[in-house]
């Protein structure tokens, strides 16, 4: 009985942590979607798909892709890393294909 409760407690702790991470990443994800919508004239759903596809193509967490897009959007901001830029362009253009090569570093 005690072991089952400990397992349930561990599962609940994991769920709470995942929920916190999702809440923390919401603002940057929404900002990235807005940037994509403004830059490419797409719908919120299409912007979400572009983020998701870029994340999958680069094997990068979606919230990290969103953070990179957001950080690169301001005046004088550094450009997106090449592998993200290439995957983002492919997702925007609707090209099919798996993840591209990962950059070292």
N, C-alpha and C. Protein backbone atom coordinates (compact mmCIF):
# COMPACT_ATOMS: atom_id res chain seq x y z
N UNK A 1 0.82 -1.20 0.00
CA UNK A 1 0.00 0.00 0.00
C UNK A 1 0.86 1.26 0.00
N UNK A 2 1.88 1.28 0.86
CA UNK A 2 2.75 2.45 0.95
C UNK A 2 3.51 2.64 -0.36
N UNK A 3 3.93 1.53 -0.98
CA UNK A 3 4.67 1.63 -2.24
C UNK A 3 3.79 2.22 -3.34
N UNK A 4 2.51 1.78 -3.38
CA UNK A 4 1.60 2.30 -4.40
C UNK A 4 1.37 3.80 -4.20
N UNK A 5 1.23 4.23 -2.97
CA UNK A 5 1.05 5.66 -2.69
C UNK A 5 2.28 6.46 -3.09
N UNK A 6 3.46 5.90 -2.83
CA UNK A 6 4.70 6.58 -3.21
C UNK A 6 4.78 6.72 -4.73
N UNK A 7 4.38 5.68 -5.45
CA UNK A 7 4.38 5.74 -6.91
C UNK A 7 3.38 6.78 -7.41
N UNK A 8 2.20 6.82 -6.78
CA UNK A 8 1.20 7.82 -7.16
C UNK A 8 1.70 9.23 -6.90
N UNK A 9 2.38 9.41 -5.78
CA UNK A 9 2.92 10.72 -5.42
C UNK A 9 3.99 11.13 -6.44
N UNK A 10 4.85 10.21 -6.82
CA UNK A 10 5.87 10.50 -7.82
C UNK A 10 5.22 10.88 -9.15
N UNK A 11 4.18 10.17 -9.54
CA UNK A 11 3.48 10.46 -10.79
C UNK A 11 2.85 11.85 -10.74
N UNK A 12 2.25 12.19 -9.61
CA UNK A 12 1.64 13.51 -9.46
C UNK A 12 2.69 14.62 -9.48
N UNK A 13 3.83 14.38 -8.86
CA UNK A 13 4.91 15.37 -8.88
C UNK A 13 5.39 15.62 -10.31
N UNK A 14 5.53 14.55 -11.07
CA UNK A 14 5.94 14.67 -12.47
C UNK A 14 4.90 15.46 -13.26
N UNK A 15 3.64 15.16 -13.04
CA UNK A 15 2.57 15.86 -13.75
C UNK A 15 2.56 17.36 -13.41
N UNK A 16 2.77 17.67 -12.15
CA UNK A 16 2.81 19.08 -11.73
C UNK A 16 3.99 19.78 -12.38
N UNK A 17 5.16 19.13 -12.42
CA UNK A 17 6.33 19.74 -13.04
C UNK A 17 6.10 19.97 -14.53
N UNK A 18 5.50 19.00 -15.21
CA UNK A 18 5.21 19.15 -16.63
C UNK A 18 4.21 20.28 -16.87
N UNK A 19 3.23 20.40 -15.99
CA UNK A 19 2.25 21.49 -16.11
C UNK A 19 2.91 22.84 -15.91
N UNK A 20 3.83 22.92 -14.95
CA UNK A 20 4.55 24.18 -14.72
C UNK A 20 5.38 24.56 -15.94
N UNK A 21 6.06 23.58 -16.53
CA UNK A 21 6.86 23.86 -17.72
C UNK A 21 5.98 24.33 -18.86
N UNK A 22 4.82 23.72 -19.02
CA UNK A 22 3.90 24.12 -20.09
C UNK A 22 3.42 25.56 -19.87
N UNK A 23 3.08 25.90 -18.63
CA UNK A 23 2.64 27.26 -18.32
C UNK A 23 3.76 28.27 -18.54
N UNK A 24 4.97 27.90 -18.16
CA UNK A 24 6.11 28.80 -18.34
C UNK A 24 6.42 29.05 -19.81
N UNK A 25 6.19 28.03 -20.65
CA UNK A 25 6.54 28.18 -22.06
C UNK A 25 5.41 28.80 -22.88
N UNK A 26 4.23 28.92 -22.31
CA UNK A 26 3.09 29.46 -23.06
C UNK A 26 3.34 30.86 -23.62
N UNK A 27 3.81 31.81 -22.83
CA UNK A 27 3.98 33.16 -23.37
C UNK A 27 4.94 33.21 -24.56
N UNK A 28 6.08 32.53 -24.47
CA UNK A 28 7.05 32.60 -25.56
C UNK A 28 6.52 31.87 -26.79
N UNK A 29 5.77 30.80 -26.58
CA UNK A 29 5.18 30.08 -27.71
C UNK A 29 4.14 30.96 -28.39
N UNK A 30 3.32 31.63 -27.61
CA UNK A 30 2.32 32.54 -28.19
C UNK A 30 2.98 33.70 -28.93
N UNK A 31 4.08 34.22 -28.39
CA UNK A 31 4.80 35.30 -29.07
C UNK A 31 5.35 34.81 -30.41
N UNK A 32 5.95 33.62 -30.41
CA UNK A 32 6.50 33.07 -31.65
C UNK A 32 5.39 32.85 -32.68
N UNK A 33 4.24 32.35 -32.23
CA UNK A 33 3.12 32.17 -33.15
C UNK A 33 2.71 33.51 -33.74
N UNK A 34 2.65 34.54 -32.91
CA UNK A 34 2.30 35.87 -33.39
C UNK A 34 3.30 36.40 -34.41
N UNK A 35 4.57 36.15 -34.16
CA UNK A 35 5.61 36.58 -35.10
C UNK A 35 5.41 35.87 -36.44
N UNK A 36 5.18 34.57 -36.40
CA UNK A 36 4.97 33.80 -37.63
C UNK A 36 3.72 34.28 -38.36
N UNK A 37 2.66 34.54 -37.61
CA UNK A 37 1.41 35.00 -38.22
C UNK A 37 1.62 36.34 -38.92
N UNK A 38 2.33 37.25 -38.26
CA UNK A 38 2.56 38.57 -38.84
C UNK A 38 3.51 38.50 -40.04
N UNK A 39 4.54 37.70 -39.92
CA UNK A 39 5.55 37.64 -40.97
C UNK A 39 5.09 36.86 -42.19
N UNK A 40 4.21 35.88 -41.99
CA UNK A 40 3.86 34.99 -43.09
C UNK A 40 2.36 34.96 -43.40
N UNK A 41 1.59 35.78 -42.71
CA UNK A 41 0.17 35.88 -43.00
C UNK A 41 -0.57 34.57 -42.82
N UNK A 42 -0.18 33.81 -41.80
CA UNK A 42 -0.83 32.51 -41.59
C UNK A 42 -1.77 32.57 -40.39
N UNK A 43 -2.57 31.56 -40.25
CA UNK A 43 -3.52 31.45 -39.14
C UNK A 43 -2.78 30.99 -37.88
N UNK A 44 -3.41 31.15 -36.72
CA UNK A 44 -2.80 30.64 -35.49
C UNK A 44 -2.53 29.14 -35.55
N UNK A 45 -3.44 28.39 -36.13
CA UNK A 45 -3.23 26.94 -36.23
C UNK A 45 -2.05 26.61 -37.14
N UNK A 46 -1.93 27.33 -38.25
CA UNK A 46 -0.81 27.09 -39.15
C UNK A 46 0.51 27.49 -38.49
N UNK A 47 0.51 28.57 -37.73
CA UNK A 47 1.73 28.98 -37.01
C UNK A 47 2.14 27.90 -36.01
N UNK A 48 1.17 27.30 -35.34
CA UNK A 48 1.45 26.21 -34.41
C UNK A 48 2.08 25.03 -35.15
N UNK A 49 1.52 24.69 -36.30
CA UNK A 49 2.06 23.58 -37.10
C UNK A 49 3.49 23.87 -37.55
N UNK A 50 3.76 25.10 -37.93
CA UNK A 50 5.11 25.48 -38.34
C UNK A 50 6.09 25.31 -37.18
N UNK A 51 5.69 25.76 -35.99
CA UNK A 51 6.54 25.58 -34.81
C UNK A 51 6.78 24.10 -34.54
N UNK A 52 5.71 23.32 -34.58
CA UNK A 52 5.80 21.89 -34.29
C UNK A 52 6.70 21.19 -35.31
N UNK A 53 6.49 21.48 -36.59
CA UNK A 53 7.31 20.86 -37.62
C UNK A 53 8.77 21.25 -37.49
N UNK A 54 9.04 22.50 -37.20
CA UNK A 54 10.42 22.96 -37.03
C UNK A 54 11.06 22.25 -35.85
N UNK A 55 10.32 22.10 -34.78
CA UNK A 55 10.81 21.38 -33.60
C UNK A 55 11.17 19.94 -33.96
N UNK A 56 10.30 19.29 -34.69
CA UNK A 56 10.54 17.89 -35.07
C UNK A 56 11.71 17.77 -36.04
N UNK A 57 11.78 18.66 -37.01
CA UNK A 57 12.85 18.59 -38.03
C UNK A 57 14.23 18.79 -37.41
N UNK A 58 14.31 19.56 -36.34
CA UNK A 58 15.60 19.87 -35.73
C UNK A 58 15.85 19.10 -34.45
N UNK A 59 14.88 18.30 -34.03
CA UNK A 59 15.00 17.56 -32.77
C UNK A 59 15.30 18.52 -31.62
N UNK A 60 14.54 19.61 -31.61
CA UNK A 60 14.68 20.66 -30.60
C UNK A 60 13.33 20.84 -29.92
N UNK A 61 13.32 21.02 -28.60
CA UNK A 61 12.05 21.23 -27.91
C UNK A 61 11.32 22.43 -28.50
N UNK A 62 10.02 22.30 -28.61
CA UNK A 62 9.21 23.36 -29.22
C UNK A 62 9.41 24.68 -28.51
N UNK A 63 9.46 24.67 -27.19
CA UNK A 63 9.62 25.93 -26.47
C UNK A 63 10.97 26.58 -26.78
N UNK A 64 11.99 25.77 -27.08
CA UNK A 64 13.29 26.33 -27.46
C UNK A 64 13.23 26.96 -28.85
N UNK A 65 12.53 26.29 -29.77
CA UNK A 65 12.34 26.85 -31.11
C UNK A 65 11.61 28.20 -30.99
N UNK A 66 10.56 28.22 -30.19
CA UNK A 66 9.80 29.46 -29.99
C UNK A 66 10.67 30.55 -29.39
N UNK A 67 11.51 30.20 -28.42
CA UNK A 67 12.40 31.18 -27.79
C UNK A 67 13.40 31.73 -28.80
N UNK A 68 13.92 30.87 -29.66
CA UNK A 68 14.88 31.31 -30.68
C UNK A 68 14.21 32.26 -31.68
N UNK A 69 13.00 31.92 -32.10
CA UNK A 69 12.28 32.77 -33.04
C UNK A 69 12.00 34.13 -32.40
N UNK A 70 11.55 34.13 -31.17
CA UNK A 70 11.24 35.36 -30.47
C UNK A 70 12.49 36.21 -30.28
N UNK A 71 13.59 35.58 -29.90
CA UNK A 71 14.84 36.31 -29.67
C UNK A 71 15.40 36.90 -30.95
N UNK A 72 15.10 36.28 -32.08
CA UNK A 72 15.66 36.76 -33.35
C UNK A 72 14.77 37.82 -34.02
N UNK A 73 13.64 38.13 -33.43
CA UNK A 73 12.66 38.99 -34.10
C UNK A 73 12.92 40.49 -33.92
N UNK A 74 13.63 40.87 -32.89
CA UNK A 74 13.80 42.29 -32.62
C UNK A 74 14.85 42.95 -33.50
N UNK A 75 14.81 44.27 -33.57
CA UNK A 75 15.82 44.99 -34.35
C UNK A 75 17.21 44.74 -33.77
N UNK A 76 18.15 44.42 -34.64
CA UNK A 76 19.51 44.18 -34.20
C UNK A 76 19.72 42.85 -33.50
N UNK A 77 18.67 42.01 -33.50
CA UNK A 77 18.78 40.71 -32.85
C UNK A 77 19.59 39.75 -33.71
N UNK A 78 20.23 38.78 -33.08
CA UNK A 78 20.99 37.81 -33.87
C UNK A 78 20.05 36.96 -34.72
N UNK A 79 20.50 36.53 -35.88
CA UNK A 79 19.64 35.68 -36.72
C UNK A 79 19.47 34.29 -36.12
N UNK A 80 18.46 33.61 -36.58
CA UNK A 80 18.28 32.22 -36.17
C UNK A 80 19.48 31.39 -36.58
N UNK A 81 19.83 30.38 -35.80
CA UNK A 81 20.87 29.45 -36.25
C UNK A 81 20.46 28.82 -37.58
N UNK A 82 21.43 28.52 -38.41
CA UNK A 82 21.17 28.02 -39.76
C UNK A 82 20.25 26.81 -39.77
N UNK A 83 20.46 25.84 -38.89
CA UNK A 83 19.62 24.63 -38.93
C UNK A 83 18.17 24.95 -38.59
N UNK A 84 17.94 25.91 -37.68
CA UNK A 84 16.57 26.31 -37.38
C UNK A 84 15.97 27.09 -38.54
N UNK A 85 16.77 27.96 -39.13
CA UNK A 85 16.29 28.76 -40.27
C UNK A 85 15.90 27.85 -41.43
N UNK A 86 16.72 26.85 -41.72
CA UNK A 86 16.44 25.92 -42.81
C UNK A 86 15.17 25.11 -42.53
N UNK A 87 15.05 24.59 -41.31
CA UNK A 87 13.87 23.80 -40.94
C UNK A 87 12.62 24.66 -40.91
N UNK A 88 12.74 25.88 -40.44
CA UNK A 88 11.61 26.80 -40.40
C UNK A 88 11.13 27.11 -41.81
N UNK A 89 12.06 27.38 -42.70
CA UNK A 89 11.69 27.67 -44.09
C UNK A 89 10.99 26.47 -44.71
N UNK A 90 11.50 25.26 -44.47
CA UNK A 90 10.87 24.05 -45.02
C UNK A 90 9.46 23.88 -44.46
N UNK A 91 9.29 24.14 -43.17
CA UNK A 91 7.96 24.00 -42.56
C UNK A 91 7.01 25.06 -43.13
N UNK A 92 7.48 26.27 -43.31
CA UNK A 92 6.65 27.34 -43.86
C UNK A 92 6.25 27.01 -45.30
N UNK A 93 7.21 26.50 -46.06
CA UNK A 93 6.95 26.17 -47.46
C UNK A 93 6.14 24.88 -47.61
N UNK A 94 5.99 24.14 -46.52
CA UNK A 94 5.22 22.90 -46.57
C UNK A 94 5.95 21.74 -47.19
N UNK A 95 7.28 21.82 -47.25
CA UNK A 95 8.05 20.71 -47.80
C UNK A 95 8.03 19.55 -46.82
N UNK A 96 7.96 18.37 -47.36
CA UNK A 96 7.99 17.16 -46.55
C UNK A 96 9.42 16.71 -46.38
N UNK A 97 9.62 15.90 -45.38
CA UNK A 97 10.95 15.34 -45.17
C UNK A 97 11.23 15.24 -43.69
N UNK A 98 12.18 14.44 -43.37
CA UNK A 98 12.56 14.23 -41.98
C UNK A 98 13.46 15.33 -41.49
N UNK A 99 13.98 15.13 -40.28
CA UNK A 99 14.88 16.13 -39.72
C UNK A 99 16.15 16.24 -40.54
N UNK A 100 16.66 17.43 -40.61
CA UNK A 100 17.91 17.65 -41.30
C UNK A 100 19.07 17.31 -40.39
N UNK A 101 20.28 17.46 -40.88
CA UNK A 101 21.45 17.16 -40.05
C UNK A 101 21.54 18.14 -38.89
N UNK A 102 21.98 17.63 -37.76
CA UNK A 102 22.16 18.47 -36.58
C UNK A 102 23.49 19.17 -36.65
N UNK A 103 23.50 20.41 -36.25
CA UNK A 103 24.75 21.16 -36.22
C UNK A 103 25.51 20.79 -34.96
N UNK A 104 26.80 20.74 -35.07
CA UNK A 104 27.63 20.46 -33.88
C UNK A 104 27.59 21.65 -32.96
N UNK A 105 27.65 21.36 -31.66
CA UNK A 105 27.76 22.46 -30.71
C UNK A 105 26.53 22.78 -30.08
